[in-house]
């Protein structure tokens, strides 16, 4: 009996040691998603509160690099290339660092985004963009650090940073017009060689209208000035299934020739096997 009581007590003690009390984080995480024009943007940051403290010029010193928030770095992810401060920023994820001033802030978009706080060694080569923005006083106190997407338009947005009685806004431009123009050209000019190729291969593999697949593969090869061995391989298979053995053999021989030149033995073997099946070897 004593042994049972001892084991039970040890078990309860173990549970007590391993149990963790979950409490709210002092600086909660916020994630915002916004589409501007055609470009998706995601913002992730932690939100400290004032709690009676003086923020700028005290808790956050002027003219010194600041992590811009709390905990892990504040990060922004662009789904497409954007423009900040007259500089093109490639699609990707960036840490947001700032250097607050009394009347102006410097805002940095830093390529390395996995730090907690500012990097131990600051590298200018990792600054994707830097912009200086004016400080605007707020008519009321903002208790909790806030970042926002403001003035959302088809081709631009303002990244807002608010805390205490201060607001700064970073203009970000999108290449929406260029993207829409490219989409219009693509649609108006009709399907590409790759569109025809993908459609033909799908029809072959899905067992759909093989004559339609043959038409599309011909169109793809015609539009492609330098067809590859794998494309000609698919042409040979489509022709064979469509009952055009001579066309299949011709395409397979061309595919094998190009595969040999490219040093791709797998495709050489595949074409040799097909040619034997079709009585051409």
Protein backbone atom coordinates (compact mmCIF):
# COMPACT_ATOMS: atom_id res chain seq x y z
CA UNK A 1 0.00 0.00 0.00
CA UNK A 2 2.79 2.38 0.95
CA UNK A 3 4.48 1.57 -2.36
CA UNK A 4 1.31 2.46 -4.29
CA UNK A 5 0.97 5.74 -2.41
CA UNK A 6 4.62 6.56 -3.12
CA UNK A 7 4.23 5.88 -6.87
CA UNK A 8 1.04 7.99 -7.02
CA UNK A 9 2.74 10.86 -5.19
CA UNK A 10 5.75 10.70 -7.51
CA UNK A 11 3.45 10.72 -10.54
CA UNK A 12 1.55 13.79 -9.33
CA UNK A 13 4.81 15.57 -8.55
CA UNK A 14 6.06 14.80 -12.08
CA UNK A 15 2.86 16.19 -13.60
CA UNK A 16 3.20 19.33 -11.48
CA UNK A 17 6.80 19.86 -12.59
CA UNK A 18 6.02 19.37 -16.29
CA UNK A 19 2.83 21.43 -16.32
CA UNK A 20 3.21 24.95 -17.70
CA UNK A 21 0.94 27.84 -16.87
CA UNK A 22 -0.01 29.74 -20.02
CA UNK A 23 -0.30 33.50 -19.60
CA UNK A 24 -0.83 36.35 -22.06
CA UNK A 25 2.26 37.76 -23.77
CA UNK A 26 3.07 41.36 -22.82
CA UNK A 27 3.61 42.20 -26.49
CA UNK A 28 1.11 40.30 -28.61
CA UNK A 29 1.74 39.22 -32.19
CA UNK A 30 -0.30 40.69 -35.03
CA UNK A 31 -0.40 39.51 -38.64
CA UNK A 32 -2.02 41.59 -41.37
CA UNK A 33 -2.58 40.60 -44.99
CA UNK A 34 -3.34 43.20 -47.64
CA UNK A 35 -3.58 43.04 -51.42
CA UNK A 36 -2.58 46.24 -53.20
CA UNK A 37 -3.48 46.13 -56.86
CA UNK A 38 -2.33 42.62 -57.73
CA UNK A 39 0.40 42.40 -55.09
CA UNK A 40 -0.17 40.48 -51.82
CA UNK A 41 1.58 41.90 -48.74
CA UNK A 42 1.90 40.32 -45.29
CA UNK A 43 2.97 42.21 -42.17
CA UNK A 44 3.96 40.47 -38.92
CA UNK A 45 4.98 42.34 -35.78
CA UNK A 46 4.65 42.38 -31.99
CA UNK A 47 2.80 45.15 -30.14
CA UNK A 48 4.26 46.57 -26.92
CA UNK A 49 2.18 49.07 -24.91
CA UNK A 50 3.09 52.39 -23.29
CA UNK A 51 2.08 51.42 -19.72
CA UNK A 52 2.68 54.94 -18.49
CA UNK A 53 6.11 55.21 -20.06
CA UNK A 54 7.49 57.98 -22.26
CA UNK A 55 8.31 56.32 -25.57
CA UNK A 56 10.21 58.45 -28.05
CA UNK A 57 13.29 60.17 -26.75
CA UNK A 58 13.28 57.89 -23.70
CA UNK A 59 12.30 54.20 -24.01
CA UNK A 60 13.07 54.48 -27.74
CA UNK A 61 16.02 56.90 -28.05
CA UNK A 62 16.18 59.38 -30.89
CA UNK A 63 18.69 58.88 -33.70
CA UNK A 64 19.48 55.28 -32.77
CA UNK A 65 18.53 52.13 -34.68
CA UNK A 66 15.35 50.56 -33.31
CA UNK A 67 13.91 47.09 -33.87
CA UNK A 68 10.51 48.73 -34.50
CA UNK A 69 8.29 46.81 -32.12
CA UNK A 70 9.11 43.96 -29.75
CA UNK A 71 10.16 40.30 -29.69
CA UNK A 72 10.99 38.90 -33.16
CA UNK A 73 11.70 41.39 -35.91
CA UNK A 74 8.82 43.21 -37.53
CA UNK A 75 8.64 41.64 -40.98
CA UNK A 76 6.97 42.55 -44.23
CA UNK A 77 6.60 40.17 -47.17
CA UNK A 78 5.95 41.35 -50.73
CA UNK A 79 4.49 38.85 -53.18
CA UNK A 80 5.82 40.87 -56.14
CA UNK A 81 8.52 43.45 -56.72
CA UNK A 82 7.69 46.89 -55.27
CA UNK A 83 9.30 50.32 -55.21
CA UNK A 84 10.39 52.06 -51.99
CA UNK A 85 12.27 55.34 -51.94
CA UNK A 86 12.77 55.19 -55.71
CA UNK A 87 14.43 51.77 -55.47
CA UNK A 88 13.04 48.47 -56.71
CA UNK A 89 12.68 45.96 -53.86
CA UNK A 90 12.41 42.36 -55.11
CA UNK A 91 9.60 40.11 -53.90
CA UNK A 92 10.50 38.55 -50.56
CA UNK A 93 10.56 39.07 -46.79
CA UNK A 94 12.30 41.99 -45.09
CA UNK A 95 12.87 43.12 -41.51
CA UNK A 96 11.73 46.66 -40.76
CA UNK A 97 14.21 48.76 -38.77
CA UNK A 98 13.85 52.44 -37.99
CA UNK A 99 15.89 55.32 -36.66
CA UNK A 100 13.34 57.63 -35.02
CA UNK A 101 14.01 61.36 -34.91
CA UNK A 102 12.16 64.31 -33.47
CA UNK A 103 10.92 65.51 -36.87
CA UNK A 104 11.99 62.74 -39.29
CA UNK A 105 12.49 58.98 -39.24
CA UNK A 106 14.72 56.80 -41.32
CA UNK A 107 13.07 53.49 -42.22
CA UNK A 108 15.12 50.51 -43.41
CA UNK A 109 14.01 47.34 -45.20
CA UNK A 110 16.65 44.77 -44.32
CA UNK A 111 17.20 41.55 -46.26
CA UNK A 112 18.08 39.45 -43.19
CA UNK A 113 14.82 39.12 -41.28
CA UNK A 114 15.45 36.32 -38.76
CA UNK A 115 17.15 38.35 -36.00
CA UNK A 116 15.59 39.22 -32.67
CA UNK A 117 16.35 42.91 -32.53
CA UNK A 118 18.91 44.79 -34.59
CA UNK A 119 21.74 42.73 -36.12
CA UNK A 120 24.98 42.47 -34.15
CA UNK A 121 26.74 43.66 -37.27
CA UNK A 122 24.84 46.06 -39.49
CA UNK A 123 25.59 45.51 -43.19
CA UNK A 124 24.62 48.25 -45.62
CA UNK A 125 24.72 45.71 -48.45
CA UNK A 126 21.68 44.03 -46.86
CA UNK A 127 19.58 47.21 -46.92
CA UNK A 128 17.13 46.63 -49.77
CA UNK A 129 15.70 50.15 -49.40
CA UNK A 130 15.91 53.15 -47.10
CA UNK A 131 13.58 56.11 -46.92
CA UNK A 132 13.30 59.25 -44.78
CA UNK A 133 9.76 60.19 -43.71
CA UNK A 134 8.27 63.06 -41.74
CA UNK A 135 6.79 62.76 -38.25
CA UNK A 136 3.14 63.71 -37.82
CA UNK A 137 1.84 64.40 -34.28
CA UNK A 138 -1.31 62.53 -33.30
CA UNK A 139 -4.21 64.34 -31.60
CA UNK A 140 -4.52 61.47 -29.12
CA UNK A 141 -2.29 58.92 -27.41
CA UNK A 142 -1.84 55.55 -29.12
CA UNK A 143 -1.36 53.18 -26.18
CA UNK A 144 -0.31 50.09 -28.14
CA UNK A 145 2.32 50.07 -30.89
CA UNK A 146 0.50 49.77 -34.22
CA UNK A 147 1.45 49.22 -37.83
CA UNK A 148 -1.10 49.57 -40.61
CA UNK A 149 -1.73 49.72 -44.33
CA UNK A 150 -3.15 53.16 -45.10
CA UNK A 151 -4.39 54.94 -48.24
CA UNK A 152 -4.64 51.70 -50.21
CA UNK A 153 -4.83 52.37 -53.96
CA UNK A 154 -4.40 50.24 -57.06
CA UNK A 155 -0.72 51.08 -57.32
CA UNK A 156 0.38 52.30 -53.90
CA UNK A 157 -0.04 52.01 -50.14
CA UNK A 158 1.27 53.75 -47.04
CA UNK A 159 2.88 51.61 -44.36
CA UNK A 160 1.84 53.43 -41.19
CA UNK A 161 3.68 53.27 -37.85
CA UNK A 162 1.82 54.66 -34.83
CA UNK A 163 2.69 54.85 -31.13
CA UNK A 164 2.39 57.35 -28.33
CA UNK A 165 1.52 60.60 -30.13
CA UNK A 166 3.52 59.94 -33.32
CA UNK A 167 2.64 58.76 -36.81
CA UNK A 168 5.02 58.13 -39.69
CA UNK A 169 4.03 56.77 -43.09
CA UNK A 170 6.23 54.97 -45.62
CA UNK A 171 5.03 55.20 -49.26
CA UNK A 172 5.25 51.92 -51.18
CA UNK A 173 4.57 51.76 -54.91
CA UNK A 174 3.41 48.69 -56.82
CA UNK A 175 4.08 47.86 -60.47
CA UNK A 176 0.38 47.21 -61.00
CA UNK A 177 0.12 48.92 -64.37
CA UNK A 178 3.07 46.94 -65.73
CA UNK A 179 1.60 43.69 -64.41
CA UNK A 180 -1.85 44.39 -65.86
CA UNK A 181 -0.33 45.39 -69.22
CA UNK A 182 1.61 42.12 -69.31
CA UNK A 183 -1.55 40.15 -68.52
CA UNK A 184 -3.46 41.98 -71.25
CA UNK A 185 -0.72 41.32 -73.79
CA UNK A 186 -0.58 37.65 -72.83
CA UNK A 187 -4.33 37.18 -73.18
CA UNK A 188 -4.71 39.28 -76.31
CA UNK A 189 -1.81 37.56 -78.04
CA UNK A 190 -3.36 34.18 -77.37
CA UNK A 191 -1.89 31.06 -75.78
CA UNK A 192 1.89 30.66 -75.61
CA UNK A 193 3.86 27.68 -76.88
CA UNK A 194 4.03 26.42 -73.31
CA UNK A 195 0.24 26.76 -72.93
CA UNK A 196 -0.29 24.60 -76.01
CA UNK A 197 2.32 22.08 -74.82
CA UNK A 198 0.85 21.76 -71.31
CA UNK A 199 -2.66 21.35 -72.71
CA UNK A 200 -1.54 18.68 -75.18
CA UNK A 201 0.31 16.68 -72.51
CA UNK A 202 -2.69 16.92 -70.17
CA UNK A 203 -5.04 15.60 -72.87
CA UNK A 204 -2.62 12.74 -73.53
CA UNK A 205 -2.28 11.74 -69.88
CA UNK A 206 -5.98 12.24 -69.09
CA UNK A 207 -7.14 10.17 -72.04
CA UNK A 208 -9.02 13.04 -73.67
CA UNK A 209 -9.39 13.95 -77.34
CA UNK A 210 -6.04 12.82 -78.76
CA UNK A 211 -6.61 14.61 -82.08
CA UNK A 212 -6.99 17.87 -80.18
CA UNK A 213 -3.80 17.04 -78.29
CA UNK A 214 -2.05 16.48 -81.62
CA UNK A 215 -3.21 19.86 -82.91
CA UNK A 216 -1.95 21.58 -79.77
CA UNK A 217 1.44 19.84 -79.72
CA UNK A 218 1.96 20.77 -83.37
CA UNK A 219 1.14 24.39 -82.54
CA UNK A 220 3.54 24.33 -79.60
CA UNK A 221 6.42 22.91 -81.65
CA UNK A 222 5.67 25.36 -84.48
CA UNK A 223 5.85 28.35 -82.09
CA UNK A 224 8.99 27.03 -80.42
CA UNK A 225 12.05 27.78 -82.55
CA UNK A 226 14.20 25.38 -80.53
CA UNK A 227 12.04 22.50 -79.26
CA UNK A 228 13.63 20.39 -76.52
CA UNK A 229 14.03 16.63 -76.47
CA UNK A 230 11.38 16.18 -73.79
CA UNK A 231 8.88 18.17 -75.85
CA UNK A 232 9.55 16.07 -78.93
CA UNK A 233 9.23 12.97 -76.77
CA UNK A 234 5.69 14.00 -75.83
CA UNK A 235 4.96 14.75 -79.49
CA UNK A 236 6.01 11.21 -80.42
CA UNK A 237 3.71 9.70 -77.78
CA UNK A 238 0.76 11.84 -78.85
CA UNK A 239 1.29 10.95 -82.51
CA UNK A 240 1.55 7.26 -81.65
CA UNK A 241 -1.68 7.32 -79.69
CA UNK A 242 -3.36 9.22 -82.53
CA UNK A 243 -2.37 6.42 -84.94
CA UNK A 244 0.27 8.43 -86.82
CA UNK A 245 3.16 5.94 -86.50
CA UNK A 246 5.39 7.66 -89.08
CA UNK A 247 5.03 11.00 -87.33
CA UNK A 248 5.72 9.35 -83.97
CA UNK A 249 8.90 7.71 -85.28
CA UNK A 250 10.15 10.95 -86.79
CA UNK A 251 9.57 12.87 -83.53
CA UNK A 252 11.17 10.11 -81.43
CA UNK A 253 14.30 10.09 -83.60
CA UNK A 254 14.66 13.85 -83.26
CA UNK A 255 14.08 13.60 -79.50
CA UNK A 256 16.73 10.87 -79.20
CA UNK A 257 19.24 12.89 -81.21
CA UNK A 258 18.78 15.94 -78.99
CA UNK A 259 18.85 13.81 -75.82
CA UNK A 260 22.19 12.31 -76.89
CA UNK A 261 23.58 15.80 -77.51
CA UNK A 262 22.38 16.85 -74.06
CA UNK A 263 23.84 13.74 -72.43
CA UNK A 264 20.45 12.60 -71.13
CA UNK A 265 20.66 8.82 -71.26
CA UNK A 266 17.22 8.33 -69.71
CA UNK A 267 15.48 9.97 -72.65
CA UNK A 268 17.74 8.18 -75.09
CA UNK A 269 16.63 4.86 -73.58
CA UNK A 270 12.94 5.86 -73.57
CA UNK A 271 13.05 6.79 -77.25
CA UNK A 272 14.95 3.64 -78.17
CA UNK A 273 12.31 1.53 -76.42
CA UNK A 274 9.47 3.32 -78.26
CA UNK A 275 11.22 3.05 -81.62
CA UNK A 276 11.63 -0.69 -81.12
CA UNK A 277 7.94 -1.01 -80.23
CA UNK A 278 7.02 0.92 -83.37
CA UNK A 279 9.28 -1.28 -85.55
CA UNK A 280 11.81 1.45 -86.35
CA UNK A 281 14.84 -0.26 -84.75
